Amino acid sequence: MHPGDKYRDISFPSLLDLSLPYAEMSFDGSLCVAKADGSGGVLNFSTCAQQLLYEVGDPGAYVTPDVIDFRNVSFHSLSAHKVLCAGAKPSLSSAPDELLRL
């Protein structure tokens, strides 16, 4: 949802018919990737691991201001429509800081 953005504002009822996976974030840094029932596609350990590697490349050197180390991320299927993702930690590397200053 993007309240106030007339081009990207999504009403709450429309979110109930969302066809793409979404993330449910927790205060401790863990998250669940989920998708609506009947939305098609596959959501499991393999699809989550593939997407993580596609997005970040090297899980130990994710070059963004977030400075996250994904090497110890684990995926646990909770259902056919929900996967728990846990284990991401702050990175001790300062490489992103150096690269993003250029």
N, C-alpha and C. Protein backbone atom coordinates (compact mmCIF):
# COMPACT_ATOMS: atom_id res chain seq x y z
N MET A 1 0.84 -1.18 0.00
CA MET A 1 0.00 0.00 0.00
C MET A 1 0.88 1.23 0.00
N HIS A 2 0.50 2.22 -0.74
CA HIS A 2 1.22 3.49 -0.80
C HIS A 2 0.22 4.62 -0.60
N PRO A 3 -0.27 4.81 0.63
CA PRO A 3 -1.27 5.87 0.84
C PRO A 3 -0.76 7.23 0.37
N GLY A 4 -1.62 7.95 -0.29
CA GLY A 4 -1.25 9.28 -0.78
C GLY A 4 -0.62 9.28 -2.16
N ASP A 5 -0.25 8.15 -2.68
CA ASP A 5 0.35 8.06 -4.02
C ASP A 5 -0.74 7.57 -4.96
N LYS A 6 -1.30 8.47 -5.77
CA LYS A 6 -2.46 8.11 -6.59
C LYS A 6 -2.14 7.05 -7.64
N TYR A 7 -0.85 6.85 -7.96
CA TYR A 7 -0.49 5.86 -8.97
C TYR A 7 -0.19 4.49 -8.37
N ARG A 8 0.12 4.42 -7.08
CA ARG A 8 0.47 3.14 -6.46
C ARG A 8 -0.35 2.82 -5.23
N ASP A 9 -1.36 3.59 -4.92
CA ASP A 9 -2.17 3.32 -3.74
C ASP A 9 -3.04 2.09 -4.00
N ILE A 10 -2.96 1.13 -3.10
CA ILE A 10 -3.73 -0.10 -3.23
C ILE A 10 -4.70 -0.16 -2.06
N SER A 11 -5.95 -0.32 -2.36
CA SER A 11 -6.96 -0.39 -1.29
C SER A 11 -6.80 -1.70 -0.53
N PHE A 12 -7.23 -1.69 0.74
CA PHE A 12 -7.13 -2.90 1.55
C PHE A 12 -7.89 -4.07 0.93
N PRO A 13 -9.11 -3.89 0.44
CA PRO A 13 -9.80 -5.04 -0.18
C PRO A 13 -9.03 -5.61 -1.38
N SER A 14 -8.32 -4.77 -2.11
CA SER A 14 -7.54 -5.26 -3.24
C SER A 14 -6.37 -6.12 -2.79
N LEU A 15 -5.84 -5.85 -1.60
CA LEU A 15 -4.74 -6.65 -1.08
C LEU A 15 -5.17 -8.08 -0.78
N LEU A 16 -6.45 -8.29 -0.54
CA LEU A 16 -6.94 -9.64 -0.29
C LEU A 16 -6.90 -10.50 -1.54
N ASP A 17 -6.76 -9.89 -2.72
CA ASP A 17 -6.69 -10.60 -3.99
C ASP A 17 -5.29 -10.47 -4.61
N LEU A 18 -4.29 -10.27 -3.79
CA LEU A 18 -2.92 -10.08 -4.26
C LEU A 18 -2.37 -11.37 -4.84
N SER A 19 -1.80 -11.33 -6.04
CA SER A 19 -1.30 -12.55 -6.68
C SER A 19 0.19 -12.76 -6.47
N LEU A 20 0.91 -11.78 -5.97
CA LEU A 20 2.35 -11.91 -5.76
C LEU A 20 2.65 -12.23 -4.30
N PRO A 21 3.78 -12.90 -4.04
CA PRO A 21 4.16 -13.14 -2.64
C PRO A 21 4.40 -11.82 -1.91
N TYR A 22 4.24 -11.85 -0.61
CA TYR A 22 4.46 -10.67 0.22
C TYR A 22 5.20 -11.12 1.47
N ALA A 23 5.77 -10.17 2.20
CA ALA A 23 6.54 -10.48 3.41
C ALA A 23 5.82 -9.97 4.65
N GLU A 24 5.80 -10.79 5.67
CA GLU A 24 5.28 -10.41 6.98
C GLU A 24 6.50 -10.28 7.90
N MET A 25 6.89 -9.05 8.22
CA MET A 25 8.10 -8.79 9.00
C MET A 25 7.81 -8.90 10.50
N SER A 26 8.81 -9.37 11.25
CA SER A 26 8.72 -9.47 12.70
C SER A 26 9.74 -8.53 13.33
N PHE A 27 9.50 -8.12 14.56
CA PHE A 27 10.40 -7.20 15.25
C PHE A 27 11.79 -7.78 15.44
N ASP A 28 11.93 -9.11 15.45
CA ASP A 28 13.24 -9.73 15.70
C ASP A 28 14.06 -9.93 14.42
N GLY A 29 13.54 -9.47 13.28
CA GLY A 29 14.27 -9.58 12.02
C GLY A 29 13.86 -10.77 11.19
N SER A 30 13.12 -11.70 11.75
CA SER A 30 12.66 -12.82 10.95
C SER A 30 11.46 -12.36 10.12
N LEU A 31 11.16 -13.13 9.11
CA LEU A 31 10.01 -12.79 8.29
C LEU A 31 9.41 -14.03 7.70
N CYS A 32 8.17 -13.92 7.33
CA CYS A 32 7.48 -14.99 6.61
C CYS A 32 7.18 -14.46 5.22
N VAL A 33 7.52 -15.25 4.22
CA VAL A 33 7.11 -14.96 2.86
C VAL A 33 5.84 -15.76 2.66
N ALA A 34 4.81 -15.11 2.16
CA ALA A 34 3.52 -15.77 2.01
C ALA A 34 2.88 -15.37 0.69
N LYS A 35 1.87 -16.14 0.30
CA LYS A 35 1.09 -15.82 -0.89
C LYS A 35 -0.35 -16.20 -0.62
N ALA A 36 -1.23 -15.56 -1.33
CA ALA A 36 -2.66 -15.81 -1.15
C ALA A 36 -3.04 -17.21 -1.63
N ASP A 37 -3.97 -17.85 -0.94
CA ASP A 37 -4.51 -19.14 -1.38
C ASP A 37 -5.07 -18.98 -2.80
N GLY A 38 -4.81 -19.95 -3.64
CA GLY A 38 -5.36 -19.94 -4.99
C GLY A 38 -4.65 -19.01 -5.96
N SER A 39 -3.52 -18.44 -5.54
CA SER A 39 -2.82 -17.49 -6.42
C SER A 39 -1.89 -18.17 -7.41
N GLY A 40 -1.74 -19.47 -7.32
CA GLY A 40 -0.88 -20.20 -8.25
C GLY A 40 0.58 -20.09 -7.88
N GLY A 41 1.42 -20.76 -8.62
CA GLY A 41 2.84 -20.74 -8.35
C GLY A 41 3.23 -21.61 -7.18
N VAL A 42 4.53 -21.64 -6.91
CA VAL A 42 5.07 -22.47 -5.84
C VAL A 42 5.83 -21.59 -4.86
N LEU A 43 5.63 -21.80 -3.59
CA LEU A 43 6.35 -21.09 -2.55
C LEU A 43 6.88 -22.15 -1.58
N ASN A 44 8.20 -22.37 -1.61
CA ASN A 44 8.81 -23.37 -0.74
C ASN A 44 10.28 -23.02 -0.51
N PHE A 45 11.01 -23.92 0.13
CA PHE A 45 12.44 -23.71 0.40
C PHE A 45 13.19 -23.33 -0.87
N SER A 46 13.01 -24.11 -1.92
CA SER A 46 13.76 -23.90 -3.16
C SER A 46 13.47 -22.56 -3.81
N THR A 47 12.21 -22.18 -3.90
CA THR A 47 11.89 -20.91 -4.57
C THR A 47 12.40 -19.72 -3.74
N CYS A 48 12.35 -19.83 -2.41
CA CYS A 48 12.87 -18.74 -1.57
C CYS A 48 14.39 -18.64 -1.68
N ALA A 49 15.08 -19.79 -1.63
CA ALA A 49 16.55 -19.79 -1.74
C ALA A 49 16.99 -19.26 -3.10
N GLN A 50 16.31 -19.67 -4.16
CA GLN A 50 16.66 -19.19 -5.50
C GLN A 50 16.48 -17.68 -5.60
N GLN A 51 15.39 -17.17 -5.07
CA GLN A 51 15.14 -15.73 -5.15
C GLN A 51 16.15 -14.95 -4.34
N LEU A 52 16.51 -15.45 -3.16
CA LEU A 52 17.52 -14.78 -2.34
C LEU A 52 18.85 -14.68 -3.09
N LEU A 53 19.30 -15.79 -3.67
CA LEU A 53 20.57 -15.76 -4.40
C LEU A 53 20.49 -14.89 -5.65
N TYR A 54 19.35 -14.89 -6.31
CA TYR A 54 19.16 -14.03 -7.48
C TYR A 54 19.26 -12.56 -7.09
N GLU A 55 18.63 -12.20 -5.99
CA GLU A 55 18.59 -10.80 -5.56
C GLU A 55 19.91 -10.30 -5.00
N VAL A 56 20.59 -11.10 -4.19
CA VAL A 56 21.77 -10.58 -3.48
C VAL A 56 23.09 -11.06 -4.03
N GLY A 57 23.11 -12.11 -4.86
CA GLY A 57 24.38 -12.60 -5.38
C GLY A 57 25.16 -13.32 -4.30
N ASP A 58 26.10 -12.63 -3.68
CA ASP A 58 26.93 -13.20 -2.61
C ASP A 58 26.24 -12.93 -1.27
N PRO A 59 25.69 -13.96 -0.62
CA PRO A 59 24.96 -13.74 0.62
C PRO A 59 25.78 -13.11 1.75
N GLY A 60 27.11 -13.20 1.67
CA GLY A 60 27.97 -12.61 2.70
C GLY A 60 28.42 -11.20 2.38
N ALA A 61 28.06 -10.70 1.20
CA ALA A 61 28.51 -9.37 0.80
C ALA A 61 27.41 -8.65 0.03
N TYR A 62 26.29 -8.47 0.66
CA TYR A 62 25.15 -7.79 0.04
C TYR A 62 25.45 -6.30 0.06
N VAL A 63 25.70 -5.72 -1.11
CA VAL A 63 26.18 -4.34 -1.21
C VAL A 63 25.00 -3.37 -1.30
N THR A 64 24.48 -2.99 -0.15
CA THR A 64 23.46 -1.96 -0.03
C THR A 64 23.67 -1.26 1.30
N PRO A 65 23.00 -0.15 1.52
CA PRO A 65 23.14 0.52 2.82
C PRO A 65 22.64 -0.35 3.99
N ASP A 66 21.86 -1.40 3.69
CA ASP A 66 21.33 -2.26 4.75
C ASP A 66 22.42 -3.03 5.47
N VAL A 67 23.51 -3.37 4.78
CA VAL A 67 24.66 -4.11 5.32
C VAL A 67 24.18 -5.36 6.07
N ILE A 68 23.64 -6.31 5.31
CA ILE A 68 23.09 -7.53 5.88
C ILE A 68 23.90 -8.74 5.41
N ASP A 69 24.12 -9.68 6.33
CA ASP A 69 24.79 -10.94 6.03
C ASP A 69 23.72 -12.02 5.96
N PHE A 70 23.53 -12.60 4.78
CA PHE A 70 22.50 -13.60 4.56
C PHE A 70 23.04 -15.03 4.61
N ARG A 71 24.31 -15.22 5.00
CA ARG A 71 24.90 -16.56 4.93
C ARG A 71 24.20 -17.58 5.82
N ASN A 72 23.61 -17.18 6.92
CA ASN A 72 22.98 -18.14 7.84
C ASN A 72 21.46 -18.13 7.77
N VAL A 73 20.91 -17.65 6.66
CA VAL A 73 19.46 -17.64 6.50
C VAL A 73 18.98 -19.08 6.30
N SER A 74 17.90 -19.40 6.96
CA SER A 74 17.27 -20.71 6.77
C SER A 74 15.81 -20.49 6.41
N PHE A 75 15.26 -21.44 5.70
CA PHE A 75 13.87 -21.38 5.27
C PHE A 75 13.13 -22.60 5.82
N HIS A 76 11.96 -22.38 6.40
CA HIS A 76 11.17 -23.45 6.97
C HIS A 76 9.73 -23.31 6.47
N SER A 77 9.27 -24.28 5.73
CA SER A 77 7.89 -24.23 5.22
C SER A 77 6.92 -24.37 6.38
N LEU A 78 6.01 -23.42 6.50
CA LEU A 78 4.96 -23.47 7.52
C LEU A 78 3.68 -24.02 6.93
N SER A 79 3.50 -23.83 5.63
CA SER A 79 2.35 -24.36 4.90
C SER A 79 2.68 -24.26 3.42
N ALA A 80 1.73 -24.63 2.57
CA ALA A 80 1.93 -24.52 1.12
C ALA A 80 1.95 -23.06 0.67
N HIS A 81 1.58 -22.14 1.58
CA HIS A 81 1.48 -20.73 1.22
C HIS A 81 2.31 -19.82 2.11
N LYS A 82 3.15 -20.40 2.98
CA LYS A 82 3.94 -19.56 3.89
C LYS A 82 5.26 -20.23 4.24
N VAL A 83 6.36 -19.45 4.14
CA VAL A 83 7.69 -19.93 4.47
C VAL A 83 8.33 -18.97 5.46
N LEU A 84 8.85 -19.50 6.58
CA LEU A 84 9.56 -18.69 7.56
C LEU A 84 11.01 -18.54 7.12
N CYS A 85 11.50 -17.31 7.11
CA CYS A 85 12.89 -17.02 6.76
C CYS A 85 13.55 -16.39 7.98
N ALA A 86 14.61 -17.01 8.48
CA ALA A 86 15.27 -16.50 9.68
C ALA A 86 16.77 -16.63 9.55
N GLY A 87 17.51 -15.86 10.32
CA GLY A 87 18.96 -15.99 10.38
C GLY A 87 19.75 -14.86 9.78
N ALA A 88 19.13 -13.90 9.12
CA ALA A 88 19.88 -12.76 8.58
C ALA A 88 20.40 -11.93 9.75
N LYS A 89 21.65 -11.45 9.62
CA LYS A 89 22.26 -10.67 10.70
C LYS A 89 22.93 -9.43 10.11
N PRO A 90 23.19 -8.45 10.93
CA PRO A 90 23.96 -7.31 10.45
C PRO A 90 25.34 -7.78 10.03
N SER A 91 25.84 -7.25 8.94
CA SER A 91 27.17 -7.61 8.45
C SER A 91 28.23 -6.83 9.19
N LEU A 92 29.37 -7.47 9.43
CA LEU A 92 30.49 -6.80 10.07
C LEU A 92 31.40 -6.13 9.03
N SER A 93 31.14 -6.42 7.76
CA SER A 93 31.93 -5.86 6.67
C SER A 93 31.53 -4.41 6.39
N SER A 94 32.51 -3.58 6.06
CA SER A 94 32.22 -2.19 5.72
C SER A 94 32.31 -1.96 4.21
N ALA A 95 32.39 -3.02 3.42
CA ALA A 95 32.49 -2.88 1.97
C ALA A 95 31.38 -2.03 1.38
N PRO A 96 30.12 -2.24 1.76
CA PRO A 96 29.06 -1.41 1.17
C PRO A 96 29.28 0.07 1.45
N ASP A 97 29.74 0.41 2.63
CA ASP A 97 29.98 1.81 2.99
C ASP A 97 31.01 2.43 2.03
N GLU A 98 32.08 1.71 1.77
CA GLU A 98 33.11 2.21 0.86
C GLU A 98 32.61 2.31 -0.57
N LEU A 99 31.89 1.29 -1.04
CA LEU A 99 31.43 1.27 -2.42
C LEU A 99 30.34 2.30 -2.69
N LEU A 100 29.48 2.54 -1.71
CA LEU A 100 28.37 3.45 -1.93
C LEU A 100 28.76 4.91 -1.83
N ARG A 101 29.96 5.20 -1.34
CA ARG A 101 30.40 6.59 -1.26
C ARG A 101 30.91 7.09 -2.61
N LEU A 102 31.19 6.21 -3.52
CA LEU A 102 31.75 6.63 -4.83
C LEU A 102 30.76 7.37 -5.64
